[in-house]
N, C-alpha and C. Protein backbone atom coordinates (compact mmCIF):
# COMPACT_ATOMS: atom_id res chain seq x y z
N MET A 1 -28.59 -2.11 -4.48
CA MET A 1 -27.61 -3.16 -4.35
C MET A 1 -27.88 -3.91 -3.04
N ALA A 2 -27.89 -5.22 -3.10
CA ALA A 2 -28.17 -6.04 -1.92
C ALA A 2 -27.03 -5.94 -0.92
N MET A 3 -27.38 -6.05 0.36
CA MET A 3 -26.36 -5.95 1.42
C MET A 3 -25.31 -7.04 1.28
N GLY A 4 -25.70 -8.23 0.82
CA GLY A 4 -24.75 -9.32 0.63
C GLY A 4 -23.65 -8.98 -0.36
N LYS A 5 -23.97 -8.18 -1.33
CA LYS A 5 -22.97 -7.78 -2.33
C LYS A 5 -22.03 -6.71 -1.80
N MET A 6 -22.38 -6.12 -0.67
CA MET A 6 -21.55 -5.08 -0.07
C MET A 6 -20.51 -5.65 0.88
N LYS A 7 -20.67 -6.93 1.25
CA LYS A 7 -19.71 -7.56 2.15
C LYS A 7 -18.46 -7.94 1.38
N ILE A 8 -17.32 -7.67 2.00
CA ILE A 8 -16.04 -8.02 1.39
C ILE A 8 -15.16 -8.72 2.44
N THR A 9 -14.18 -9.45 1.95
CA THR A 9 -13.25 -10.12 2.85
C THR A 9 -12.18 -9.13 3.31
N CYS A 10 -11.41 -9.54 4.30
CA CYS A 10 -10.31 -8.69 4.77
C CYS A 10 -9.28 -8.49 3.65
N GLU A 11 -9.05 -9.52 2.86
CA GLU A 11 -8.10 -9.40 1.75
C GLU A 11 -8.58 -8.36 0.74
N GLU A 12 -9.87 -8.39 0.43
CA GLU A 12 -10.43 -7.38 -0.48
C GLU A 12 -10.36 -5.99 0.15
N ALA A 13 -10.59 -5.92 1.45
CA ALA A 13 -10.55 -4.63 2.15
C ALA A 13 -9.16 -4.01 2.08
N THR A 14 -8.11 -4.82 2.28
CA THR A 14 -6.76 -4.26 2.23
C THR A 14 -6.41 -3.79 0.82
N ALA A 15 -6.89 -4.53 -0.19
CA ALA A 15 -6.63 -4.11 -1.57
C ALA A 15 -7.34 -2.78 -1.87
N ILE A 16 -8.58 -2.66 -1.44
CA ILE A 16 -9.33 -1.42 -1.67
C ILE A 16 -8.69 -0.28 -0.88
N CYS A 17 -8.25 -0.57 0.33
CA CYS A 17 -7.60 0.45 1.16
C CYS A 17 -6.40 1.03 0.43
N THR A 18 -5.58 0.16 -0.12
CA THR A 18 -4.39 0.61 -0.84
C THR A 18 -4.78 1.39 -2.10
N LYS A 19 -5.76 0.88 -2.85
CA LYS A 19 -6.23 1.60 -4.04
C LYS A 19 -6.76 2.98 -3.65
N SER A 20 -7.46 3.05 -2.55
CA SER A 20 -8.06 4.31 -2.10
C SER A 20 -6.99 5.35 -1.79
N GLN A 21 -5.88 4.91 -1.19
CA GLN A 21 -4.81 5.86 -0.86
C GLN A 21 -4.18 6.46 -2.11
N TYR A 22 -4.26 5.76 -3.23
CA TYR A 22 -3.69 6.27 -4.48
C TYR A 22 -4.77 6.84 -5.40
N GLY A 23 -5.98 7.00 -4.88
CA GLY A 23 -7.05 7.61 -5.66
C GLY A 23 -7.63 6.70 -6.72
N ALA A 24 -7.43 5.39 -6.61
CA ALA A 24 -7.88 4.46 -7.64
C ALA A 24 -9.14 3.69 -7.25
N ALA A 25 -9.66 3.90 -6.05
CA ALA A 25 -10.85 3.18 -5.60
C ALA A 25 -12.11 3.88 -6.09
N THR A 26 -13.09 3.08 -6.47
CA THR A 26 -14.37 3.64 -6.91
C THR A 26 -15.21 4.00 -5.69
N LEU A 27 -16.28 4.73 -5.92
CA LEU A 27 -17.19 5.08 -4.84
C LEU A 27 -17.77 3.82 -4.20
N THR A 28 -18.13 2.84 -5.02
CA THR A 28 -18.66 1.58 -4.50
C THR A 28 -17.62 0.88 -3.63
N ASP A 29 -16.37 0.88 -4.08
CA ASP A 29 -15.28 0.29 -3.29
C ASP A 29 -15.18 0.97 -1.92
N LYS A 30 -15.23 2.28 -1.92
CA LYS A 30 -15.11 3.03 -0.67
C LYS A 30 -16.27 2.74 0.28
N ILE A 31 -17.46 2.60 -0.27
CA ILE A 31 -18.63 2.27 0.55
C ILE A 31 -18.46 0.88 1.16
N LYS A 32 -18.05 -0.08 0.32
CA LYS A 32 -17.81 -1.44 0.81
C LYS A 32 -16.76 -1.44 1.91
N LEU A 33 -15.71 -0.67 1.71
CA LEU A 33 -14.62 -0.60 2.68
C LEU A 33 -15.11 -0.04 4.01
N ASN A 34 -15.89 1.02 3.95
CA ASN A 34 -16.40 1.62 5.18
C ASN A 34 -17.38 0.71 5.91
N ILE A 35 -18.16 -0.04 5.16
CA ILE A 35 -19.04 -1.04 5.80
C ILE A 35 -18.18 -2.10 6.48
N HIS A 36 -17.15 -2.56 5.81
CA HIS A 36 -16.24 -3.56 6.38
C HIS A 36 -15.58 -3.02 7.65
N PHE A 37 -15.19 -1.77 7.64
CA PHE A 37 -14.55 -1.16 8.81
C PHE A 37 -15.47 -1.14 10.04
N MET A 38 -16.78 -1.08 9.81
CA MET A 38 -17.72 -1.08 10.94
C MET A 38 -17.63 -2.38 11.74
N PHE A 39 -17.25 -3.46 11.07
CA PHE A 39 -17.23 -4.77 11.71
C PHE A 39 -15.83 -5.32 11.95
N CYS A 40 -14.82 -4.74 11.35
CA CYS A 40 -13.47 -5.31 11.43
C CYS A 40 -12.47 -4.28 11.92
N LYS A 41 -12.13 -4.37 13.20
CA LYS A 41 -11.19 -3.40 13.75
C LYS A 41 -9.76 -3.67 13.28
N VAL A 42 -9.46 -4.90 12.87
CA VAL A 42 -8.12 -5.22 12.37
C VAL A 42 -7.87 -4.47 11.05
N CYS A 43 -8.82 -4.51 10.16
CA CYS A 43 -8.67 -3.80 8.88
C CYS A 43 -8.68 -2.29 9.08
N ARG A 44 -9.47 -1.83 10.04
CA ARG A 44 -9.48 -0.41 10.37
C ARG A 44 -8.10 0.03 10.84
N LEU A 45 -7.47 -0.79 11.69
CA LEU A 45 -6.12 -0.50 12.17
C LEU A 45 -5.11 -0.56 11.02
N PHE A 46 -5.25 -1.58 10.14
CA PHE A 46 -4.36 -1.68 8.98
C PHE A 46 -4.44 -0.41 8.15
N SER A 47 -5.65 0.06 7.90
CA SER A 47 -5.83 1.26 7.09
C SER A 47 -5.14 2.46 7.72
N LYS A 48 -5.31 2.61 9.02
CA LYS A 48 -4.69 3.73 9.72
C LYS A 48 -3.16 3.64 9.65
N GLN A 49 -2.63 2.44 9.93
CA GLN A 49 -1.18 2.27 9.91
C GLN A 49 -0.61 2.42 8.50
N ASN A 50 -1.33 1.91 7.50
CA ASN A 50 -0.87 2.02 6.12
C ASN A 50 -0.84 3.48 5.68
N SER A 51 -1.83 4.23 6.10
CA SER A 51 -1.89 5.65 5.78
C SER A 51 -0.73 6.41 6.44
N GLU A 52 -0.47 6.09 7.71
CA GLU A 52 0.63 6.74 8.41
C GLU A 52 1.97 6.39 7.78
N LEU A 53 2.14 5.14 7.39
CA LEU A 53 3.38 4.71 6.73
C LEU A 53 3.57 5.45 5.40
N SER A 54 2.51 5.57 4.64
CA SER A 54 2.58 6.30 3.37
C SER A 54 2.96 7.76 3.60
N ASP A 55 2.38 8.36 4.64
CA ASP A 55 2.70 9.75 4.97
C ASP A 55 4.18 9.89 5.36
N MET A 56 4.68 8.94 6.16
CA MET A 56 6.09 9.00 6.58
C MET A 56 7.03 8.84 5.39
N CYS A 57 6.68 7.95 4.47
CA CYS A 57 7.51 7.75 3.28
C CYS A 57 7.53 9.02 2.42
N ALA A 58 6.38 9.64 2.28
CA ALA A 58 6.31 10.89 1.50
C ALA A 58 7.11 11.99 2.18
N MET A 59 7.04 12.04 3.51
CA MET A 59 7.80 13.04 4.25
C MET A 59 9.30 12.81 4.10
N ALA A 60 9.72 11.55 4.18
CA ALA A 60 11.14 11.22 4.03
C ALA A 60 11.62 11.58 2.62
N LYS A 61 10.79 11.32 1.63
CA LYS A 61 11.15 11.65 0.25
C LYS A 61 11.31 13.17 0.08
N ARG A 62 10.36 13.93 0.64
CA ARG A 62 10.46 15.40 0.55
C ARG A 62 11.72 15.90 1.26
N TYR A 63 12.03 15.33 2.42
CA TYR A 63 13.23 15.73 3.17
C TYR A 63 14.48 15.45 2.35
N GLN A 64 14.54 14.27 1.78
CA GLN A 64 15.71 13.90 0.98
C GLN A 64 15.87 14.82 -0.23
N GLU A 65 14.76 15.16 -0.87
CA GLU A 65 14.81 16.04 -2.04
C GLU A 65 15.28 17.44 -1.68
N THR A 66 14.89 17.92 -0.50
CA THR A 66 15.24 19.29 -0.13
C THR A 66 16.61 19.40 0.52
N HIS A 67 17.11 18.32 1.09
CA HIS A 67 18.39 18.39 1.80
C HIS A 67 19.56 17.78 1.03
N LYS A 68 19.29 17.12 -0.05
CA LYS A 68 20.34 16.56 -0.90
C LYS A 68 21.45 15.90 -0.08
N CYS A 69 21.06 14.95 0.74
CA CYS A 69 22.02 14.25 1.60
C CYS A 69 22.96 13.40 0.75
N CYS A 70 24.23 13.62 0.92
CA CYS A 70 25.20 12.79 0.21
C CYS A 70 26.54 12.87 0.93
N LEU A 71 27.40 11.90 0.63
CA LEU A 71 28.72 11.86 1.25
C LEU A 71 29.65 12.90 0.64
N SER A 72 30.56 13.38 1.46
CA SER A 72 31.59 14.28 0.95
C SER A 72 32.60 13.45 0.15
N ALA A 73 33.42 14.12 -0.64
CA ALA A 73 34.43 13.41 -1.42
C ALA A 73 35.38 12.64 -0.50
N GLU A 74 35.72 13.23 0.62
CA GLU A 74 36.61 12.58 1.59
C GLU A 74 35.97 11.31 2.16
N ASP A 75 34.70 11.40 2.52
CA ASP A 75 33.99 10.24 3.06
C ASP A 75 33.85 9.14 2.01
N LYS A 76 33.66 9.53 0.75
CA LYS A 76 33.57 8.54 -0.33
C LYS A 76 34.88 7.77 -0.46
N GLU A 77 35.99 8.48 -0.39
CA GLU A 77 37.31 7.83 -0.49
C GLU A 77 37.55 6.89 0.68
N LYS A 78 37.15 7.30 1.88
CA LYS A 78 37.29 6.44 3.05
C LYS A 78 36.46 5.18 2.89
N LEU A 79 35.27 5.33 2.39
CA LEU A 79 34.39 4.19 2.17
C LEU A 79 34.97 3.24 1.13
N LYS A 80 35.50 3.79 0.05
CA LYS A 80 36.14 2.96 -0.98
C LYS A 80 37.30 2.17 -0.39
N ALA A 81 38.09 2.82 0.45
CA ALA A 81 39.24 2.15 1.07
C ALA A 81 38.76 1.02 1.99
N GLN A 82 37.71 1.27 2.73
CA GLN A 82 37.17 0.24 3.62
C GLN A 82 36.64 -0.95 2.83
N ILE A 83 36.01 -0.68 1.70
CA ILE A 83 35.50 -1.76 0.85
C ILE A 83 36.66 -2.58 0.29
N LYS A 84 37.72 -1.91 -0.14
CA LYS A 84 38.90 -2.63 -0.65
C LYS A 84 39.50 -3.52 0.43
N GLU A 85 39.60 -3.00 1.65
CA GLU A 85 40.12 -3.76 2.76
C GLU A 85 39.24 -4.98 3.05
N PHE A 86 37.95 -4.78 3.00
CA PHE A 86 37.01 -5.86 3.23
C PHE A 86 37.16 -6.94 2.17
N ASP A 87 37.33 -6.53 0.89
CA ASP A 87 37.52 -7.48 -0.20
C ASP A 87 38.80 -8.28 -0.02
N LYS A 88 39.87 -7.64 0.48
CA LYS A 88 41.15 -8.33 0.69
C LYS A 88 41.04 -9.40 1.77
N GLU A 89 40.20 -9.13 2.78
CA GLU A 89 40.03 -10.07 3.90
C GLU A 89 39.28 -11.32 3.49
N LYS A 90 38.54 -11.27 2.43
CA LYS A 90 37.75 -12.43 1.98
C LYS A 90 38.63 -13.48 1.49
């Protein structure tokens, strides 16, 4: 494959980066992405930050699933009353 065909734009790099995080990027895509990263520190930073954001979202989802955060019945009633009061003020 010619080197010219391995060059990709930053827009293509971000798309491949996202596909790669979900396991949908091909080997050729990953090679193109890594070549792009050698020359583009902005896309390299995007990839790092996107990966960290994905990790944080997954961690938050796991936390929510294990802790079952929800309002108590008393807090729900207080919230309903506050919403009714807010509606009356309109």
